[in-house]
Amino acid sequence: MKKYDLKINGKEYNVDVKDFSATNAKVEVNGKSYDVEIKYQENEAPVIIPKITRKAAPVAIQQAAPTPAPAAGGNSVNAPMPGLILKLLVKAGDAVAVGQKLAIMEAMKMENDINTQFAGTVAVVNVREGDNVQENQSLIVIS
């Protein structure tokens, strides 16, 4: 939570406050853990410190268009994780080689290249730029 370097009566202490509430605290002093009870004077009211917990923000899920089944003998290049298609670099009919970059996807605030493990011709592109995709969703089919 917070770390302090304190000097009390000429002696130095490294204090790490792990948890703190109106009635107790968990601290570590020079590497040793302590549970500390907090008492107040009669005329002094405890200061209530609210505990803030972060809840996951609601995620609007865009309904993806149904993914067409791969063509007979086709190989599907799937999304490695949920994300947003930023750029498509191929279209149906394009010849592709193993390792070629097919698309750029944003996931976890990073741009990720989507490369193919298959050589052949792009049979179907199942997504458009700006589409949100789910993990393992078929993006491109190569025959």
C-alpha atoms as a PDB file:
ATOM      1  CA  MET A   1       0.000   0.000   0.000  1.00  0.00           C
ATOM      2  CA  LYS A   2       2.546   2.614   1.188  1.00  0.00           C
ATOM      3  CA  LYS A   3       6.157   2.476   2.301  1.00  0.00           C
ATOM      4  CA  TYR A   4       7.804   4.796   4.799  1.00  0.00           C
ATOM      5  CA  ASP A   5      11.319   5.276   6.149  1.00  0.00           C
ATOM      6  CA  LEU A   6      10.923   6.483   9.731  1.00  0.00           C
ATOM      7  CA  LYS A   7      13.497   7.637  12.276  1.00  0.00           C
ATOM      8  CA  ILE A   8      12.317   7.291  15.901  1.00  0.00           C
ATOM      9  CA  ASN A   9      14.696   8.244  18.734  1.00  0.00           C
ATOM     10  CA  GLY A  10      17.611   8.013  16.307  1.00  0.00           C
ATOM     11  CA  LYS A  11      16.729   4.481  15.114  1.00  0.00           C
ATOM     12  CA  GLU A  12      15.684   3.914  11.482  1.00  0.00           C
ATOM     13  CA  TYR A  13      12.669   1.797  10.540  1.00  0.00           C
ATOM     14  CA  ASN A  14      11.436   0.683   7.116  1.00  0.00           C
ATOM     15  CA  VAL A  15       7.647   0.511   7.418  1.00  0.00           C
ATOM     16  CA  ASP A  16       5.433  -1.036   4.742  1.00  0.00           C
ATOM     17  CA  VAL A  17       1.706  -0.477   5.399  1.00  0.00           C
ATOM     18  CA  LYS A  18      -0.032  -3.489   3.830  1.00  0.00           C
ATOM     19  CA  ASP A  19      -3.639  -2.782   4.888  1.00  0.00           C
ATOM     20  CA  PHE A  20      -5.264   0.021   6.870  1.00  0.00           C
ATOM     21  CA  SER A  21      -8.779   0.535   8.242  1.00  0.00           C
ATOM     22  CA  ALA A  22     -10.397   2.632  10.977  1.00  0.00           C
ATOM     23  CA  THR A  23      -9.702  -0.004  13.635  1.00  0.00           C
ATOM     24  CA  ASN A  24      -6.559  -1.875  12.589  1.00  0.00           C
ATOM     25  CA  ALA A  25      -3.603  -2.002  10.269  1.00  0.00           C
ATOM     26  CA  LYS A  26      -1.274  -4.655   8.910  1.00  0.00           C
ATOM     27  CA  VAL A  27       2.286  -3.373   8.703  1.00  0.00           C
ATOM     28  CA  GLU A  28       5.740  -4.746   8.082  1.00  0.00           C
ATOM     29  CA  VAL A  29       8.565  -3.107  10.043  1.00  0.00           C
ATOM     30  CA  ASN A  30      12.132  -3.948   8.980  1.00  0.00           C
ATOM     31  CA  GLY A  31      10.821  -7.166   7.399  1.00  0.00           C
ATOM     32  CA  LYS A  32       8.700  -8.343  10.354  1.00  0.00           C
ATOM     33  CA  SER A  33       4.861  -8.365  10.116  1.00  0.00           C
ATOM     34  CA  TYR A  34       2.614  -6.818  12.766  1.00  0.00           C
ATOM     35  CA  ASP A  35      -1.154  -6.519  13.247  1.00  0.00           C
ATOM     36  CA  VAL A  36      -1.782  -3.111  14.823  1.00  0.00           C
ATOM     37  CA  GLU A  37      -4.987  -2.237  16.679  1.00  0.00           C
ATOM     38  CA  ILE A  38      -5.944   1.431  16.420  1.00  0.00           C
ATOM     39  CA  LYS A  39      -7.549   3.019  19.508  1.00  0.00           C
ATOM     40  CA  TYR A  40      -8.921   6.526  19.714  1.00  0.00           C
ATOM     41  CA  GLN A  41      -9.205   9.042  22.546  1.00  0.00           C
ATOM     42  CA  GLU A  42     -12.720   9.389  24.001  1.00  0.00           C
ATOM     43  CA  ASN A  43     -13.347  12.712  22.285  1.00  0.00           C
ATOM     44  CA  GLU A  44     -11.862  11.601  18.980  1.00  0.00           C
ATOM     45  CA  ALA A  45     -13.968   9.876  16.325  1.00  0.00           C
ATOM     46  CA  PRO A  46     -12.321   7.324  14.049  1.00  0.00           C
ATOM     47  CA  VAL A  47     -11.604   8.423  10.522  1.00  0.00           C
ATOM     48  CA  ILE A  48     -13.354   6.013   8.195  1.00  0.00           C
ATOM     49  CA  ILE A  49     -11.307   5.255   5.110  1.00  0.00           C
ATOM     50  CA  PRO A  50     -13.475   3.701   2.422  1.00  0.00           C
ATOM     51  CA  LYS A  51     -12.126   0.614   0.692  1.00  0.00           C
ATOM     52  CA  ILE A  52     -12.270   1.092  -3.018  1.00  0.00           C
ATOM     53  CA  THR A  53     -12.558  -1.970  -5.182  1.00  0.00           C
ATOM     54  CA  ARG A  54     -12.489  -1.752  -8.904  1.00  0.00           C
ATOM     55  CA  LYS A  55     -15.158  -3.666 -10.746  1.00  0.00           C
ATOM     56  CA  ALA A  56     -14.731  -4.677 -14.342  1.00  0.00           C
ATOM     57  CA  ALA A  57     -16.338  -2.178 -16.658  1.00  0.00           C
ATOM     58  CA  PRO A  58     -19.287  -3.537 -18.595  1.00  0.00           C
ATOM     59  CA  VAL A  59     -18.207  -4.537 -22.052  1.00  0.00           C
ATOM     60  CA  ALA A  60     -20.474  -3.921 -24.973  1.00  0.00           C
ATOM     61  CA  ILE A  61     -20.262  -7.000 -27.104  1.00  0.00           C
ATOM     62  CA  GLN A  62     -20.836  -6.394 -30.758  1.00  0.00           C
ATOM     63  CA  GLN A  63     -22.627  -9.340 -32.295  1.00  0.00           C
ATOM     64  CA  ALA A  64     -20.268 -10.711 -34.912  1.00  0.00           C
ATOM     65  CA  ALA A  65     -21.647 -11.870 -38.201  1.00  0.00           C
ATOM     66  CA  PRO A  66     -21.874 -15.646 -38.363  1.00  0.00           C
ATOM     67  CA  THR A  67     -18.569 -17.098 -39.448  1.00  0.00           C
ATOM     68  CA  PRO A  68     -18.887 -19.047 -42.675  1.00  0.00           C
ATOM     69  CA  ALA A  69     -17.631 -22.610 -42.513  1.00  0.00           C
ATOM     70  CA  PRO A  70     -14.241 -23.073 -44.133  1.00  0.00           C
ATOM     71  CA  ALA A  71     -14.345 -24.169 -47.752  1.00  0.00           C
ATOM     72  CA  ALA A  72     -13.665 -27.843 -48.340  1.00  0.00           C
ATOM     73  CA  GLY A  73      -9.927 -28.343 -47.865  1.00  0.00           C
ATOM     74  CA  GLY A  74      -9.558 -24.785 -46.552  1.00  0.00           C
ATOM     75  CA  ASN A  75      -7.439 -23.759 -43.577  1.00  0.00           C
ATOM     76  CA  SER A  76      -8.807 -21.166 -41.172  1.00  0.00           C
ATOM     77  CA  VAL A  77      -6.599 -18.471 -39.656  1.00  0.00           C
ATOM     78  CA  ASN A  78      -8.211 -17.723 -36.284  1.00  0.00           C
ATOM     79  CA  ALA A  79      -7.959 -14.831 -33.829  1.00  0.00           C
ATOM     80  CA  PRO A  80      -5.402 -15.684 -31.113  1.00  0.00           C
ATOM     81  CA  MET A  81      -7.339 -13.597 -28.535  1.00  0.00           C
ATOM     82  CA  PRO A  82     -10.280 -11.160 -28.417  1.00  0.00           C
ATOM     83  CA  GLY A  83      -9.513  -7.880 -30.142  1.00  0.00           C
ATOM     84  CA  LEU A  84     -10.251  -5.306 -32.828  1.00  0.00           C
ATOM     85  CA  ILE A  85      -9.304  -5.714 -36.491  1.00  0.00           C
ATOM     86  CA  LEU A  86      -7.341  -2.568 -37.367  1.00  0.00           C
ATOM     87  CA  LYS A  87      -6.206  -3.411 -40.887  1.00  0.00           C
ATOM     88  CA  LEU A  88      -6.711  -6.202 -43.425  1.00  0.00           C
ATOM     89  CA  LEU A  89      -3.749  -6.734 -45.704  1.00  0.00           C
ATOM     90  CA  VAL A  90      -5.265  -9.366 -48.050  1.00  0.00           C
ATOM     91  CA  LYS A  91      -8.509  -9.931 -49.942  1.00  0.00           C
ATOM     92  CA  ALA A  92     -10.217 -12.955 -51.459  1.00  0.00           C
ATOM     93  CA  GLY A  93      -8.186 -14.316 -54.372  1.00  0.00           C
ATOM     94  CA  ASP A  94      -4.781 -13.130 -53.087  1.00  0.00           C
ATOM     95  CA  ALA A  95      -1.954 -15.678 -53.042  1.00  0.00           C
ATOM     96  CA  VAL A  96      -0.245 -15.977 -49.656  1.00  0.00           C
ATOM     97  CA  ALA A  97       2.949 -17.628 -48.400  1.00  0.00           C
ATOM     98  CA  VAL A  98       3.673 -19.243 -45.043  1.00  0.00           C
ATOM     99  CA  GLY A  99       4.444 -16.543 -42.459  1.00  0.00           C
ATOM    100  CA  GLN A 100       2.863 -13.723 -44.490  1.00  0.00           C
ATOM    101  CA  LYS A 101       1.094 -10.974 -42.512  1.00  0.00           C
ATOM    102  CA  LEU A 102      -2.641 -11.061 -43.232  1.00  0.00           C
ATOM    103  CA  ALA A 103      -4.024  -8.514 -40.794  1.00  0.00           C
ATOM    104  CA  ILE A 104      -3.230  -6.269 -37.828  1.00  0.00           C
ATOM    105  CA  MET A 105      -5.330  -6.708 -34.695  1.00  0.00           C
ATOM    106  CA  GLU A 106      -5.385  -4.585 -31.544  1.00  0.00           C
ATOM    107  CA  ALA A 107      -5.606  -6.595 -28.352  1.00  0.00           C
ATOM    108  CA  MET A 108      -4.682  -5.564 -24.808  1.00  0.00           C
ATOM    109  CA  LYS A 109      -3.675  -2.093 -26.068  1.00  0.00           C
ATOM    110  CA  MET A 110      -1.064  -3.583 -28.399  1.00  0.00           C
ATOM    111  CA  GLU A 111      -0.995  -4.098 -32.142  1.00  0.00           C
ATOM    112  CA  ASN A 112      -0.555  -7.756 -33.093  1.00  0.00           C
ATOM    113  CA  ASP A 113       0.302  -9.136 -36.525  1.00  0.00           C
ATOM    114  CA  ILE A 114      -1.888 -11.985 -37.727  1.00  0.00           C
ATOM    115  CA  ASN A 115       0.295 -14.222 -39.875  1.00  0.00           C
ATOM    116  CA  THR A 116      -0.603 -17.361 -41.805  1.00  0.00           C
ATOM    117  CA  GLN A 117       0.793 -20.811 -41.217  1.00  0.00           C
ATOM    118  CA  PHE A 118      -0.535 -21.911 -44.606  1.00  0.00           C
ATOM    119  CA  ALA A 119       0.434 -21.222 -48.203  1.00  0.00           C
ATOM    120  CA  GLY A 120      -2.321 -20.925 -50.786  1.00  0.00           C
ATOM    121  CA  THR A 121      -5.021 -18.568 -51.951  1.00  0.00           C
ATOM    122  CA  VAL A 122      -7.298 -16.492 -49.729  1.00  0.00           C
ATOM    123  CA  ALA A 123     -10.715 -18.096 -50.169  1.00  0.00           C
ATOM    124  CA  VAL A 124     -12.788 -16.051 -47.700  1.00  0.00           C
ATOM    125  CA  VAL A 125     -12.184 -13.004 -45.515  1.00  0.00           C
ATOM    126  CA  ASN A 126     -14.689 -13.330 -42.656  1.00  0.00           C
ATOM    127  CA  VAL A 127     -14.067  -9.940 -41.008  1.00  0.00           C
ATOM    128  CA  ARG A 128     -13.857  -6.265 -41.881  1.00  0.00           C
ATOM    129  CA  GLU A 129     -11.647  -3.500 -40.532  1.00  0.00           C
ATOM    130  CA  GLY A 130     -13.183  -2.213 -37.290  1.00  0.00           C
ATOM    131  CA  ASP A 131     -14.770  -5.572 -36.346  1.00  0.00           C
ATOM    132  CA  ASN A 132     -14.454  -6.836 -32.785  1.00  0.00           C
ATOM    133  CA  VAL A 133     -13.502 -10.500 -32.791  1.00  0.00           C
ATOM    134  CA  GLN A 134     -13.490 -13.247 -30.202  1.00  0.00           C
ATOM    135  CA  GLU A 135     -10.717 -15.718 -29.427  1.00  0.00           C
ATOM    136  CA  ASN A 136     -10.550 -18.552 -32.014  1.00  0.00           C
ATOM    137  CA  GLN A 137     -12.964 -16.761 -34.369  1.00  0.00           C
ATOM    138  CA  SER A 138     -12.186 -17.556 -38.001  1.00  0.00           C
ATOM    139  CA  LEU A 139     -10.730 -14.438 -39.648  1.00  0.00           C
ATOM    140  CA  ILE A 140      -9.506 -15.680 -43.017  1.00  0.00           C
ATOM    141  CA  VAL A 141      -9.815 -19.000 -44.857  1.00  0.00           C
ATOM    142  CA  ILE A 142      -6.951 -20.104 -47.087  1.00  0.00           C
ATOM    143  CA  SER A 143      -7.391 -22.883 -49.647  1.00  0.00           C
END
